[in-house]
PDB file of N, CA and C in Angstrom:
ATOM      1  N   UNK A   1     331.979 -65.999  96.295  1.00  0.00           N
ATOM      2  CA  UNK A   1     330.723 -66.135  97.014  1.00  0.00           C
ATOM      3  C   UNK A   1     329.905 -64.862  96.812  1.00  0.00           C
ATOM      4  N   UNK A   2     328.646 -65.023  96.468  1.00  0.00           N
ATOM      5  CA  UNK A   2     327.763 -63.879  96.241  1.00  0.00           C
ATOM      6  C   UNK A   2     327.336 -63.288  97.580  1.00  0.00           C
ATOM      7  N   UNK A   3     327.319 -61.955  97.642  1.00  0.00           N
ATOM      8  CA  UNK A   3     327.014 -61.249  98.887  1.00  0.00           C
ATOM      9  C   UNK A   3     325.626 -60.622  98.799  1.00  0.00           C
ATOM     10  N   UNK A   4     324.824 -60.856  99.842  1.00  0.00           N
ATOM     11  CA  UNK A   4     323.472 -60.315  99.918  1.00  0.00           C
ATOM     12  C   UNK A   4     323.363 -59.442 101.161  1.00  0.00           C
ATOM     13  N   UNK A   5     322.824 -58.246 100.985  1.00  0.00           N
ATOM     14  CA  UNK A   5     322.549 -57.324 102.091  1.00  0.00           C
ATOM     15  C   UNK A   5     321.070 -57.418 102.430  1.00  0.00           C
ATOM     16  N   UNK A   6     320.773 -57.666 103.697  1.00  0.00           N
ATOM     17  CA  UNK A   6     319.398 -57.718 104.190  1.00  0.00           C
ATOM     18  C   UNK A   6     319.178 -56.527 105.111  1.00  0.00           C
ATOM     19  N   UNK A   7     318.124 -55.753 104.857  1.00  0.00           N
ATOM     20  CA  UNK A   7     317.752 -54.658 105.753  1.00  0.00           C
ATOM     21  C   UNK A   7     316.308 -54.861 106.193  1.00  0.00           C
ATOM     22  N   UNK A   8     316.132 -55.138 107.470  1.00  0.00           N
ATOM     23  CA  UNK A   8     314.802 -55.336 108.039  1.00  0.00           C
ATOM     24  C   UNK A   8     314.887 -54.988 109.520  1.00  0.00           C
ATOM     25  N   UNK A   9     313.899 -54.269 110.019  1.00  0.00           N
ATOM     26  CA  UNK A   9     313.919 -53.885 111.426  1.00  0.00           C
ATOM     27  C   UNK A   9     313.477 -55.024 112.342  1.00  0.00           C
ATOM     28  N   UNK A  10     312.920 -56.099 111.783  1.00  0.00           N
ATOM     29  CA  UNK A  10     312.486 -57.236 112.591  1.00  0.00           C
ATOM     30  C   UNK A  10     313.606 -58.271 112.680  1.00  0.00           C
ATOM     31  N   UNK A  11     314.089 -58.484 113.891  1.00  0.00           N
ATOM     32  CA  UNK A  11     315.192 -59.418 114.123  1.00  0.00           C
ATOM     33  C   UNK A  11     314.871 -60.820 113.610  1.00  0.00           C
ATOM     34  N   UNK A  12     313.644 -61.295 113.855  1.00  0.00           N
ATOM     35  CA  UNK A  12     313.284 -62.647 113.417  1.00  0.00           C
ATOM     36  C   UNK A  12     313.393 -62.801 111.904  1.00  0.00           C
ATOM     37  N   UNK A  13     312.936 -61.805 111.169  1.00  0.00           N
ATOM     38  CA  UNK A  13     313.010 -61.861 109.700  1.00  0.00           C
ATOM     39  C   UNK A  13     314.471 -61.861 109.261  1.00  0.00           C
ATOM     40  N   UNK A  14     315.261 -60.967 109.853  1.00  0.00           N
ATOM     41  CA  UNK A  14     316.692 -60.931 109.506  1.00  0.00           C
ATOM     42  C   UNK A  14     317.344 -62.285 109.765  1.00  0.00           C
ATOM     43  N   UNK A  15     317.050 -62.868 110.923  1.00  0.00           N
ATOM     44  CA  UNK A  15     317.662 -64.152 111.281  1.00  0.00           C
ATOM     45  C   UNK A  15     317.246 -65.275 110.335  1.00  0.00           C
ATOM     46  N   UNK A  16     315.964 -65.345 110.007  1.00  0.00           N
ATOM     47  CA  UNK A  16     315.474 -66.382 109.089  1.00  0.00           C
ATOM     48  C   UNK A  16     316.141 -66.244 107.727  1.00  0.00           C
ATOM     49  N   UNK A  17     316.165 -65.016 107.208  1.00  0.00           N
ATOM     50  CA  UNK A  17     316.769 -64.798 105.891  1.00  0.00           C
ATOM     51  C   UNK A  17     318.267 -65.060 105.913  1.00  0.00           C
ATOM     52  N   UNK A  18     318.935 -64.587 106.954  1.00  0.00           N
ATOM     53  CA  UNK A  18     320.379 -64.792 107.040  1.00  0.00           C
ATOM     54  C   UNK A  18     320.706 -66.290 107.104  1.00  0.00           C
ATOM     55  N   UNK A  19     320.003 -67.019 107.942  1.00  0.00           N
ATOM     56  CA  UNK A  19     320.236 -68.459 108.063  1.00  0.00           C
ATOM     57  C   UNK A  19     319.982 -69.171 106.733  1.00  0.00           C
ATOM     58  N   UNK A  20     318.854 -68.855 106.106  1.00  0.00           N
ATOM     59  CA  UNK A  20     318.473 -69.520 104.855  1.00  0.00           C
ATOM     60  C   UNK A  20     319.456 -69.221 103.736  1.00  0.00           C
ATOM     61  N   UNK A  21     319.868 -67.970 103.616  1.00  0.00           N
ATOM     62  CA  UNK A  21     320.807 -67.597 102.555  1.00  0.00           C
ATOM     63  C   UNK A  21     322.204 -68.159 102.825  1.00  0.00           C
ATOM     64  N   UNK A  22     322.634 -68.133 104.082  1.00  0.00           N
ATOM     65  CA  UNK A  22     323.927 -68.748 104.427  1.00  0.00           C
ATOM     66  C   UNK A  22     323.929 -70.236 104.080  1.00  0.00           C
ATOM     67  N   UNK A  23     322.815 -70.910 104.364  1.00  0.00           N
ATOM     68  CA  UNK A  23     322.715 -72.343 104.076  1.00  0.00           C
ATOM     69  C   UNK A  23     322.825 -72.634 102.582  1.00  0.00           C
ATOM     70  N   UNK A  24     322.472 -71.647 101.759  1.00  0.00           N
ATOM     71  CA  UNK A  24     322.565 -71.798 100.303  1.00  0.00           C
ATOM     72  C   UNK A  24     323.902 -71.305  99.758  1.00  0.00           C
ATOM     73  N   UNK A  25     324.808 -70.913 100.660  1.00  0.00           N
ATOM     74  CA  UNK A  25     326.142 -70.519 100.231  1.00  0.00           C
ATOM     75  C   UNK A  25     326.347 -69.039  99.975  1.00  0.00           C
ATOM     76  N   UNK A  26     325.385 -68.210 100.364  1.00  0.00           N
ATOM     77  CA  UNK A  26     325.535 -66.768 100.192  1.00  0.00           C
ATOM     78  C   UNK A  26     326.236 -66.156 101.398  1.00  0.00           C
ATOM     79  N   UNK A  27     327.028 -65.139 101.151  1.00  0.00           N
ATOM     80  CA  UNK A  27     327.618 -64.320 102.205  1.00  0.00           C
ATOM     81  C   UNK A  27     326.582 -63.251 102.525  1.00  0.00           C
ATOM     82  N   UNK A  28     326.212 -63.098 103.783  1.00  0.00           N
ATOM     83  CA  UNK A  28     325.126 -62.195 104.159  1.00  0.00           C
ATOM     84  C   UNK A  28     325.632 -61.110 105.094  1.00  0.00           C
ATOM     85  N   UNK A  29     325.221 -59.875 104.805  1.00  0.00           N
ATOM     86  CA  UNK A  29     325.441 -58.756 105.718  1.00  0.00           C
ATOM     87  C   UNK A  29     324.068 -58.191 106.059  1.00  0.00           C
ATOM     88  N   UNK A  30     323.924 -57.670 107.278  1.00  0.00           N
ATOM     89  CA  UNK A  30     322.601 -57.235 107.729  1.00  0.00           C
ATOM     90  C   UNK A  30     322.620 -55.794 108.218  1.00  0.00           C
ATOM     91  N   UNK A  31     321.455 -55.160 108.053  1.00  0.00           N
ATOM     92  CA  UNK A  31     321.228 -53.804 108.548  1.00  0.00           C
ATOM     93  C   UNK A  31     319.848 -53.776 109.192  1.00  0.00           C
ATOM     94  N   UNK A  32     319.685 -52.895 110.181  1.00  0.00           N
ATOM     95  CA  UNK A  32     318.405 -52.783 110.878  1.00  0.00           C
ATOM     96  C   UNK A  32     317.518 -51.693 110.307  1.00  0.00           C
ATOM     97  N   UNK A  33     318.071 -50.842 109.433  1.00  0.00           N
ATOM     98  CA  UNK A  33     317.278 -49.736 108.903  1.00  0.00           C
ATOM     99  C   UNK A  33     317.808 -49.315 107.532  1.00  0.00           C
ATOM    100  N   UNK A  34     317.063 -48.426 106.896  1.00  0.00           N
ATOM    101  CA  UNK A  34     317.416 -48.002 105.550  1.00  0.00           C
ATOM    102  C   UNK A  34     318.718 -47.236 105.458  1.00  0.00           C
ATOM    103  N   UNK A  35     318.975 -46.357 106.411  1.00  0.00           N
ATOM    104  CA  UNK A  35     320.210 -45.574 106.361  1.00  0.00           C
ATOM    105  C   UNK A  35     321.439 -46.468 106.480  1.00  0.00           C
ATOM    106  N   UNK A  36     321.385 -47.424 107.401  1.00  0.00           N
ATOM    107  CA  UNK A  36     322.501 -48.370 107.524  1.00  0.00           C
ATOM    108  C   UNK A  36     322.661 -49.196 106.251  1.00  0.00           C
ATOM    109  N   UNK A  37     321.541 -49.546 105.628  1.00  0.00           N
ATOM    110  CA  UNK A  37     321.595 -50.318 104.382  1.00  0.00           C
ATOM    111  C   UNK A  37     322.301 -49.533 103.283  1.00  0.00           C
ATOM    112  N   UNK A  38     322.013 -48.247 103.183  1.00  0.00           N
ATOM    113  CA  UNK A  38     322.668 -47.413 102.170  1.00  0.00           C
ATOM    114  C   UNK A  38     324.169 -47.366 102.418  1.00  0.00           C
ATOM    115  N   UNK A  39     324.552 -47.152 103.671  1.00  0.00           N
ATOM    116  CA  UNK A  39     325.982 -47.086 104.000  1.00  0.00           C
ATOM    117  C   UNK A  39     326.680 -48.415 103.717  1.00  0.00           C
ATOM    118  N   UNK A  40     326.040 -49.527 104.074  1.00  0.00           N
ATOM    119  CA  UNK A  40     326.637 -50.841 103.806  1.00  0.00           C
ATOM    120  C   UNK A  40     326.698 -51.133 102.307  1.00  0.00           C
ATOM    121  N   UNK A  41     325.693 -50.695 101.576  1.00  0.00           N
ATOM    122  CA  UNK A  41     325.710 -50.901 100.121  1.00  0.00           C
ATOM    123  C   UNK A  41     326.887 -50.157  99.493  1.00  0.00           C
ATOM    124  N   UNK A  42     327.176 -48.976 100.008  1.00  0.00           N
ATOM    125  CA  UNK A  42     328.306 -48.194  99.486  1.00  0.00           C
ATOM    126  C   UNK A  42     329.647 -48.840  99.826  1.00  0.00           C
ATOM    127  N   UNK A  43     329.781 -49.351 101.042  1.00  0.00           N
ATOM    128  CA  UNK A  43     331.085 -49.845 101.495  1.00  0.00           C
ATOM    129  C   UNK A  43     331.321 -51.327 101.228  1.00  0.00           C
ATOM    130  N   UNK A  44     330.262 -52.125 101.210  1.00  0.00           N
ATOM    131  CA  UNK A  44     330.405 -53.578 101.089  1.00  0.00           C
ATOM    132  C   UNK A  44     330.124 -54.110  99.687  1.00  0.00           C
ATOM    133  N   UNK A  45     329.550 -53.287  98.820  1.00  0.00           N
ATOM    134  CA  UNK A  45     329.249 -53.669  97.429  1.00  0.00           C
ATOM    135  C   UNK A  45     328.559 -55.033  97.324  1.00  0.00           C
ATOM    136  N   UNK A  46     327.355 -55.163  97.906  1.00  0.00           N
ATOM    137  CA  UNK A  46     326.654 -56.446  97.800  1.00  0.00           C
ATOM    138  C   UNK A  46     326.219 -56.716  96.357  1.00  0.00           C
ATOM    139  N   UNK A  47     325.985 -57.983  96.062  1.00  0.00           N
ATOM    140  CA  UNK A  47     325.500 -58.371  94.737  1.00  0.00           C
ATOM    141  C   UNK A  47     323.992 -58.204  94.620  1.00  0.00           C
ATOM    142  N   UNK A  48     323.306 -58.158  95.765  1.00  0.00           N
ATOM    143  CA  UNK A  48     321.853 -58.017  95.798  1.00  0.00           C
ATOM    144  C   UNK A  48     321.458 -57.471  97.161  1.00  0.00           C
ATOM    145  N   UNK A  49     320.337 -56.728  97.185  1.00  0.00           N
ATOM    146  CA  UNK A  49     319.850 -56.129  98.433  1.00  0.00           C
ATOM    147  C   UNK A  49     318.397 -56.532  98.648  1.00  0.00           C
ATOM    148  N   UNK A  50     318.082 -56.951  99.875  1.00  0.00           N
ATOM    149  CA  UNK A  50     316.711 -57.254 100.278  1.00  0.00           C
ATOM    150  C   UNK A  50     316.303 -56.193 101.295  1.00  0.00           C
ATOM    151  N   UNK A  51     315.209 -55.478 101.011  1.00  0.00           N
ATOM    152  CA  UNK A  51     314.752 -54.395 101.880  1.00  0.00           C
ATOM    153  C   UNK A  51     313.329 -54.642 102.360  1.00  0.00           C
ATOM    154  N   UNK A  52     313.108 -54.481 103.653  1.00  0.00           N
ATOM    155  CA  UNK A  52     311.752 -54.449 104.187  1.00  0.00           C
ATOM    156  C   UNK A  52     311.161 -53.093 103.824  1.00  0.00           C
ATOM    157  N   UNK A  53     309.918 -53.069 103.389  1.00  0.00           N
ATOM    158  CA  UNK A  53     309.294 -51.805 103.000  1.00  0.00           C
ATOM    159  C   UNK A  53     309.004 -50.935 104.211  1.00  0.00           C
ATOM    160  N   UNK A  54     308.490 -51.529 105.293  1.00  0.00           N
ATOM    161  CA  UNK A  54     308.021 -50.738 106.428  1.00  0.00           C
ATOM    162  C   UNK A  54     309.025 -50.704 107.566  1.00  0.00           C
ATOM    163  N   UNK A  55     310.161 -50.067 107.322  1.00  0.00           N
ATOM    164  CA  UNK A  55     311.154 -49.861 108.378  1.00  0.00           C
ATOM    165  C   UNK A  55     310.955 -48.469 108.956  1.00  0.00           C
ATOM    166  N   UNK A  56     311.219 -48.284 110.252  1.00  0.00           N
ATOM    167  CA  UNK A  56     311.133 -46.940 110.824  1.00  0.00           C
ATOM    168  C   UNK A  56     312.212 -46.043 110.230  1.00  0.00           C
ATOM    169  N   UNK A  57     311.928 -44.770 110.177  1.00  0.00           N
ATOM    170  CA  UNK A  57     312.885 -43.833 109.579  1.00  0.00           C
ATOM    171  C   UNK A  57     312.763 -43.879 108.076  1.00  0.00           C
ATOM    172  N   UNK A  58     313.799 -44.333 107.433  1.00  0.00           N
ATOM    173  CA  UNK A  58     313.836 -44.418 105.977  1.00  0.00           C
ATOM    174  C   UNK A  58     313.187 -45.736 105.540  1.00  0.00           C
ATOM    175  N   UNK A  59     312.069 -45.640 104.843  1.00  0.00           N
ATOM    176  CA  UNK A  59     311.362 -46.853 104.412  1.00  0.00           C
ATOM    177  C   UNK A  59     312.157 -47.603 103.346  1.00  0.00           C
ATOM    178  N   UNK A  60     311.749 -48.828 103.095  1.00  0.00           N
ATOM    179  CA  UNK A  60     312.388 -49.604 102.043  1.00  0.00           C
ATOM    180  C   UNK A  60     312.210 -48.973 100.669  1.00  0.00           C
ATOM    181  N   UNK A  61     311.049 -48.359 100.442  1.00  0.00           N
ATOM    182  CA  UNK A  61     310.795 -47.675  99.161  1.00  0.00           C
ATOM    183  C   UNK A  61     311.771 -46.514  99.004  1.00  0.00           C
ATOM    184  N   UNK A  62     311.892 -45.681 100.045  1.00  0.00           N
ATOM    185  CA  UNK A  62     312.812 -44.538  99.983  1.00  0.00           C
ATOM    186  C   UNK A  62     314.264 -44.999  99.886  1.00  0.00           C
ATOM    187  N   UNK A  63     314.599 -46.064 100.603  1.00  0.00           N
ATOM    188  CA  UNK A  63     315.958 -46.605 100.540  1.00  0.00           C
ATOM    189  C   UNK A  63     316.269 -47.081  99.128  1.00  0.00           C
ATOM    190  N   UNK A  64     315.341 -47.806  98.536  1.00  0.00           N
ATOM    191  CA  UNK A  64     315.528 -48.300  97.169  1.00  0.00           C
ATOM    192  C   UNK A  64     315.706 -47.130  96.202  1.00  0.00           C
ATOM    193  N   UNK A  65     314.867 -46.111  96.336  1.00  0.00           N
ATOM    194  CA  UNK A  65     314.969 -44.952  95.444  1.00  0.00           C
ATOM    195  C   UNK A  65     316.344 -44.297  95.552  1.00  0.00           C
ATOM    196  N   UNK A  66     316.840 -44.146  96.772  1.00  0.00           N
ATOM    197  CA  UNK A  66     318.168 -43.536  96.957  1.00  0.00           C
ATOM    198  C   UNK A  66     319.274 -44.407  96.370  1.00  0.00           C
ATOM    199  N   UNK A  67     319.181 -45.698  96.588  1.00  0.00           N
ATOM    200  CA  UNK A  67     320.193 -46.611  96.043  1.00  0.00           C
ATOM    201  C   UNK A  67     320.208 -46.568  94.518  1.00  0.00           C
ATOM    202  N   UNK A  68     319.049 -46.472  93.911  1.00  0.00           N
ATOM    203  CA  UNK A  68     318.959 -46.467  92.450  1.00  0.00           C
ATOM    204  C   UNK A  68     319.416 -45.139  91.849  1.00  0.00           C
ATOM    205  N   UNK A  69     319.444 -44.078  92.657  1.00  0.00           N
ATOM    206  CA  UNK A  69     319.926 -42.770  92.169  1.00  0.00           C
ATOM    207  C   UNK A  69     321.443 -42.645  92.223  1.00  0.00           C
ATOM    208  N   UNK A  70     322.103 -43.471  93.039  1.00  0.00           N
ATOM    209  CA  UNK A  70     323.559 -43.378  93.184  1.00  0.00           C
ATOM    210  C   UNK A  70     324.244 -44.284  92.174  1.00  0.00           C
ATOM    211  N   UNK A  71     325.227 -43.753  91.481  1.00  0.00           N
ATOM    212  CA  UNK A  71     325.895 -44.544  90.440  1.00  0.00           C
ATOM    213  C   UNK A  71     326.563 -45.802  91.006  1.00  0.00           C
ATOM    214  N   UNK A  72     327.089 -45.734  92.220  1.00  0.00           N
ATOM    215  CA  UNK A  72     327.789 -46.882  92.806  1.00  0.00           C
ATOM    216  C   UNK A  72     326.848 -48.034  93.165  1.00  0.00           C
ATOM    217  N   UNK A  73     325.564 -47.736  93.366  1.00  0.00           N
ATOM    218  CA  UNK A  73     324.628 -48.773  93.811  1.00  0.00           C
ATOM    219  C   UNK A  73     323.441 -48.972  92.866  1.00  0.00           C
ATOM    220  N   UNK A  74     323.353 -48.183  91.827  1.00  0.00           N
ATOM    221  CA  UNK A  74     322.178 -48.202  90.948  1.00  0.00           C
ATOM    222  C   UNK A  74     321.938 -49.545  90.268  1.00  0.00           C
ATOM    223  N   UNK A  75     322.999 -50.277  89.986  1.00  0.00           N
ATOM    224  CA  UNK A  75     322.852 -51.537  89.245  1.00  0.00           C
ATOM    225  C   UNK A  75     322.642 -52.760  90.141  1.00  0.00           C
ATOM    226  N   UNK A  76     322.650 -52.563  91.449  1.00  0.00           N
ATOM    227  CA  UNK A  76     322.462 -53.696  92.366  1.00  0.00           C
ATOM    228  C   UNK A  76     320.976 -54.079  92.383  1.00  0.00           C
ATOM    229  N   UNK A  77     320.642 -55.339  92.098  1.00  0.00           N
ATOM    230  CA  UNK A  77     319.235 -55.755  92.157  1.00  0.00           C
ATOM    231  C   UNK A  77     318.681 -55.612  93.573  1.00  0.00           C
ATOM    232  N   UNK A  78     317.400 -55.221  93.652  1.00  0.00           N
ATOM    233  CA  UNK A  78     316.736 -55.015  94.938  1.00  0.00           C
ATOM    234  C   UNK A  78     315.448 -55.831  94.989  1.00  0.00           C
ATOM    235  N   UNK A  79     315.269 -56.526  96.101  1.00  0.00           N
ATOM    236  CA  UNK A  79     314.016 -57.222  96.399  1.00  0.00           C
ATOM    237  C   UNK A  79     313.370 -56.501  97.572  1.00  0.00           C
ATOM    238  N   UNK A  80     312.096 -56.139  97.428  1.00  0.00           N
ATOM    239  CA  UNK A  80     311.351 -55.536  98.525  1.00  0.00           C
ATOM    240  C   UNK A  80     310.491 -56.602  99.191  1.00  0.00           C
ATOM    241  N   UNK A  81     310.513 -56.629 100.519  1.00  0.00           N
ATOM    242  CA  UNK A  81     309.670 -57.522 101.315  1.00  0.00           C
ATOM    243  C   UNK A  81     308.668 -56.672 102.075  1.00  0.00           C
ATOM    244  N   UNK A  82     307.388 -57.068 102.060  1.00  0.00           N
ATOM    245  CA  UNK A  82     306.399 -56.263 102.751  1.00  0.00           C
ATOM    246  C   UNK A  82     305.126 -57.032 103.058  1.00  0.00           C
ATOM    247  N   UNK A  83     304.415 -56.552 104.059  1.00  0.00           N
ATOM    248  CA  UNK A  83     303.088 -57.078 104.358  1.00  0.00           C
ATOM    249  C   UNK A  83     302.040 -56.391 103.490  1.00  0.00           C
ATOM    250  N   UNK A  84     302.423 -55.325 102.811  1.00  0.00           N
ATOM    251  CA  UNK A  84     301.490 -54.595 101.942  1.00  0.00           C
ATOM    252  C   UNK A  84     301.330 -55.348 100.626  1.00  0.00           C
ATOM    253  N   UNK A  85     300.097 -55.781 100.352  1.00  0.00           N
ATOM    254  CA  UNK A  85     299.891 -56.616  99.168  1.00  0.00           C
ATOM    255  C   UNK A  85     299.001 -55.970  98.108  1.00  0.00           C
ATOM    256  N   UNK A  86     298.640 -54.707  98.288  1.00  0.00           N
ATOM    257  CA  UNK A  86     297.808 -54.040  97.289  1.00  0.00           C
ATOM    258  C   UNK A  86     298.613 -53.753  96.021  1.00  0.00           C
ATOM    259  N   UNK A  87     297.921 -53.744  94.906  1.00  0.00           N
ATOM    260  CA  UNK A  87     298.556 -53.490  93.613  1.00  0.00           C
ATOM    261  C   UNK A  87     299.304 -52.166  93.617  1.00  0.00           C
ATOM    262  N   UNK A  88     298.725 -51.141  94.240  1.00  0.00           N
ATOM    263  CA  UNK A  88     299.352 -49.818  94.271  1.00  0.00           C
ATOM    264  C   UNK A  88     300.688 -49.852  95.010  1.00  0.00           C
ATOM    265  N   UNK A  89     300.751 -50.631  96.080  1.00  0.00           N
ATOM    266  CA  UNK A  89     301.999 -50.752  96.844  1.00  0.00           C
ATOM    267  C   UNK A  89     303.077 -51.419  95.997  1.00  0.00           C
ATOM    268  N   UNK A  90     302.694 -52.475  95.312  1.00  0.00           N
ATOM    269  CA  UNK A  90     303.630 -53.191  94.437  1.00  0.00           C
ATOM    270  C   UNK A  90     304.139 -52.258  93.340  1.00  0.00           C
ATOM    271  N   UNK A  91     303.218 -51.519  92.727  1.00  0.00           N
ATOM    272  CA  UNK A  91     303.602 -50.597  91.654  1.00  0.00           C
ATOM    273  C   UNK A  91     304.535 -49.508  92.165  1.00  0.00           C
ATOM    274  N   UNK A  92     304.302 -49.018  93.387  1.00  0.00           N
ATOM    275  CA  UNK A  92     305.178 -47.987  93.966  1.00  0.00           C
ATOM    276  C   UNK A  92     306.584 -48.534  94.157  1.00  0.00           C
ATOM    277  N   UNK A  93     306.690 -49.769  94.614  1.00  0.00           N
ATOM    278  CA  UNK A  93     308.003 -50.386  94.799  1.00  0.00           C
ATOM    279  C   UNK A  93     308.735 -50.583  93.491  1.00  0.00           C
ATOM    280  N   UNK A  94     308.030 -51.064  92.500  1.00  0.00           N
ATOM    281  CA  UNK A  94     308.657 -51.291  91.200  1.00  0.00           C
ATOM    282  C   UNK A  94     308.997 -49.970  90.519  1.00  0.00           C
ATOM    283  N   UNK A  95     308.192 -48.939  90.772  1.00  0.00           N
ATOM    284  CA  UNK A  95     308.434 -47.632  90.148  1.00  0.00           C
ATOM    285  C   UNK A  95     309.742 -46.995  90.607  1.00  0.00           C
ATOM    286  N   UNK A  96     310.189 -47.296  91.819  1.00  0.00           N
ATOM    287  CA  UNK A  96     311.453 -46.717  92.296  1.00  0.00           C
ATOM    288  C   UNK A  96     312.655 -47.577  91.933  1.00  0.00           C
ATOM    289  N   UNK A  97     312.406 -48.683  91.234  1.00  0.00           N
ATOM    290  CA  UNK A  97     313.520 -49.472  90.729  1.00  0.00           C
ATOM    291  C   UNK A  97     313.703 -50.848  91.325  1.00  0.00           C
ATOM    292  N   UNK A  98     312.790 -51.274  92.214  1.00  0.00           N
ATOM    293  CA  UNK A  98     312.912 -52.626  92.771  1.00  0.00           C
ATOM    294  C   UNK A  98     312.745 -53.659  91.661  1.00  0.00           C
ATOM    295  N   UNK A  99     313.467 -54.748  91.779  1.00  0.00           N
ATOM    296  CA  UNK A  99     313.412 -55.806  90.775  1.00  0.00           C
ATOM    297  C   UNK A  99     312.377 -56.875  91.105  1.00  0.00           C
ATOM    298  N   UNK A 100     312.102 -57.049  92.383  1.00  0.00           N
ATOM    299  CA  UNK A 100     311.106 -58.025  92.847  1.00  0.00           C
ATOM    300  C   UNK A 100     310.379 -57.438  94.046  1.00  0.00           C
ATOM    301  N   UNK A 101     309.134 -57.886  94.237  1.00  0.00           N
ATOM    302  CA  UNK A 101     308.298 -57.440  95.346  1.00  0.00           C
ATOM    303  C   UNK A 101     307.669 -58.692  95.937  1.00  0.00           C
ATOM    304  N   UNK A 102     308.063 -59.062  97.137  1.00  0.00           N
ATOM    305  CA  UNK A 102     307.576 -60.286  97.775  1.00  0.00           C
ATOM    306  C   UNK A 102     306.779 -59.903  99.016  1.00  0.00           C
ATOM    307  N   UNK A 103     305.557 -60.455  99.120  1.00  0.00           N
ATOM    308  CA  UNK A 103     304.708 -60.123 100.259  1.00  0.00           C
ATOM    309  C   UNK A 103     304.887 -61.127 101.393  1.00  0.00           C
ATOM    310  N   UNK A 104     304.767 -60.598 102.616  1.00  0.00           N
ATOM    311  CA  UNK A 104     304.820 -61.410 103.829  1.00  0.00           C
ATOM    312  C   UNK A 104     303.408 -61.901 104.133  1.00  0.00           C
ATOM    313  N   UNK A 105     303.252 -63.066 104.719  1.00  0.00           N
ATOM    314  CA  UNK A 105     304.319 -64.009 105.055  1.00  0.00           C
ATOM    315  C   UNK A 105     304.861 -64.672 103.791  1.00  0.00           C
ATOM    316  N   UNK A 106     306.115 -65.041 103.841  1.00  0.00           N
ATOM    317  CA  UNK A 106     306.758 -65.653 102.687  1.00  0.00           C
ATOM    318  C   UNK A 106     307.527 -66.885 103.143  1.00  0.00           C
ATOM    319  N   UNK A 107     307.799 -67.737 102.210  1.00  0.00           N
ATOM    320  CA  UNK A 107     308.655 -68.891 102.467  1.00  0.00           C
ATOM    321  C   UNK A 107     310.090 -68.480 102.174  1.00  0.00           C
ATOM    322  N   UNK A 108     311.040 -68.861 103.012  1.00  0.00           N
ATOM    323  CA  UNK A 108     312.436 -68.567 102.686  1.00  0.00           C
ATOM    324  C   UNK A 108     312.831 -69.108 101.312  1.00  0.00           C
ATOM    325  N   UNK A 109     312.200 -70.207 100.897  1.00  0.00           N
ATOM    326  CA  UNK A 109     312.493 -70.775  99.576  1.00  0.00           C
ATOM    327  C   UNK A 109     312.104 -69.806  98.459  1.00  0.00           C
ATOM    328  N   UNK A 110     311.014 -69.054  98.664  1.00  0.00           N
ATOM    329  CA  UNK A 110     310.593 -68.058  97.678  1.00  0.00           C
ATOM    330  C   UNK A 110     311.647 -66.975  97.543  1.00  0.00           C
ATOM    331  N   UNK A 111     312.172 -66.521  98.668  1.00  0.00           N
ATOM    332  CA  UNK A 111     313.198 -65.477  98.645  1.00  0.00           C
ATOM    333  C   UNK A 111     314.482 -66.011  98.011  1.00  0.00           C
ATOM    334  N   UNK A 112     314.880 -67.210  98.363  1.00  0.00           N
ATOM    335  CA  UNK A 112     316.094 -67.798  97.787  1.00  0.00           C
ATOM    336  C   UNK A 112     315.950 -67.945  96.276  1.00  0.00           C
ATOM    337  N   UNK A 113     314.774 -68.372  95.825  1.00  0.00           N
ATOM    338  CA  UNK A 113     314.549 -68.503  94.383  1.00  0.00           C
ATOM    339  C   UNK A 113     314.641 -67.150  93.694  1.00  0.00           C
ATOM    340  N   UNK A 114     314.079 -66.110  94.319  1.00  0.00           N
ATOM    341  CA  UNK A 114     314.150 -64.768  93.738  1.00  0.00           C
ATOM    342  C   UNK A 114     315.587 -64.265  93.704  1.00  0.00           C
ATOM    343  N   UNK A 115     316.319 -64.465  94.790  1.00  0.00           N
ATOM    344  CA  UNK A 115     317.726 -64.052  94.854  1.00  0.00           C
ATOM    345  C   UNK A 115     318.532 -64.772  93.778  1.00  0.00           C
ATOM    346  N   UNK A 116     318.383 -66.079  93.705  1.00  0.00           N
ATOM    347  CA  UNK A 116     319.138 -66.864  92.721  1.00  0.00           C
ATOM    348  C   UNK A 116     318.795 -66.446  91.299  1.00  0.00           C
ATOM    349  N   UNK A 117     317.516 -66.219  91.047  1.00  0.00           N
ATOM    350  CA  UNK A 117     317.092 -65.799  89.716  1.00  0.00           C
ATOM    351  C   UNK A 117     317.656 -64.450  89.323  1.00  0.00           C
ATOM    352  N   UNK A 118     317.587 -63.487  90.222  1.00  0.00           N
ATOM    353  CA  UNK A 118     318.112 -62.150  89.919  1.00  0.00           C
ATOM    354  C   UNK A 118     319.622 -62.168  89.754  1.00  0.00           C
ATOM    355  N   UNK A 119     320.306 -62.946  90.558  1.00  0.00           N
ATOM    356  CA  UNK A 119     321.765 -62.993  90.440  1.00  0.00           C
ATOM    357  C   UNK A 119     322.211 -63.723  89.178  1.00  0.00           C
ATOM    358  N   UNK A 120     321.436 -64.688  88.715  1.00  0.00           N
ATOM    359  CA  UNK A 120     321.812 -65.358  87.465  1.00  0.00           C
ATOM    360  C   UNK A 120     321.599 -64.430  86.280  1.00  0.00           C
ATOM    361  N   UNK A 121     320.593 -63.568  86.351  1.00  0.00           N
ATOM    362  CA  UNK A 121     320.352 -62.582  85.294  1.00  0.00           C
ATOM    363  C   UNK A 121     321.414 -61.495  85.341  1.00  0.00           C
ATOM    364  N   UNK A 122     321.845 -61.121  86.550  1.00  0.00           N
ATOM    365  CA  UNK A 122     322.805 -60.020  86.721  1.00  0.00           C
ATOM    366  C   UNK A 122     324.209 -60.381  86.264  1.00  0.00           C
ATOM    367  N   UNK A 123     324.510 -61.652  86.122  1.00  0.00           N
ATOM    368  CA  UNK A 123     325.872 -62.063  85.746  1.00  0.00           C
ATOM    369  C   UNK A 123     326.234 -61.645  84.376  1.00  0.00           C
TER     370      UNK A 123
END
């Protein structure tokens, strides 16, 4: 079973994503912030990570950059979720190593398609 780590400070978003991914057969682990996401990525070895960009403390951009600098987590695909839809924001996310950038509001089907696509490429 493929494991997905979700890090988002909004409980509703975490719940929607967790429910949707579980329904598609993914094993899901959740974090409320970037620091917890980094620790879980190190210990749980997820196959993919979904990060909210605007989390308090360590942002999703900073979290992604740190994950991509560590050899143990550098190869894990990352999807960034955000309400920021400007081209510059997207470019900043991709510049730190994110594989996908999805803007809110989003359909859970969009996220599932992105997860499935990235995991099929990662195999």
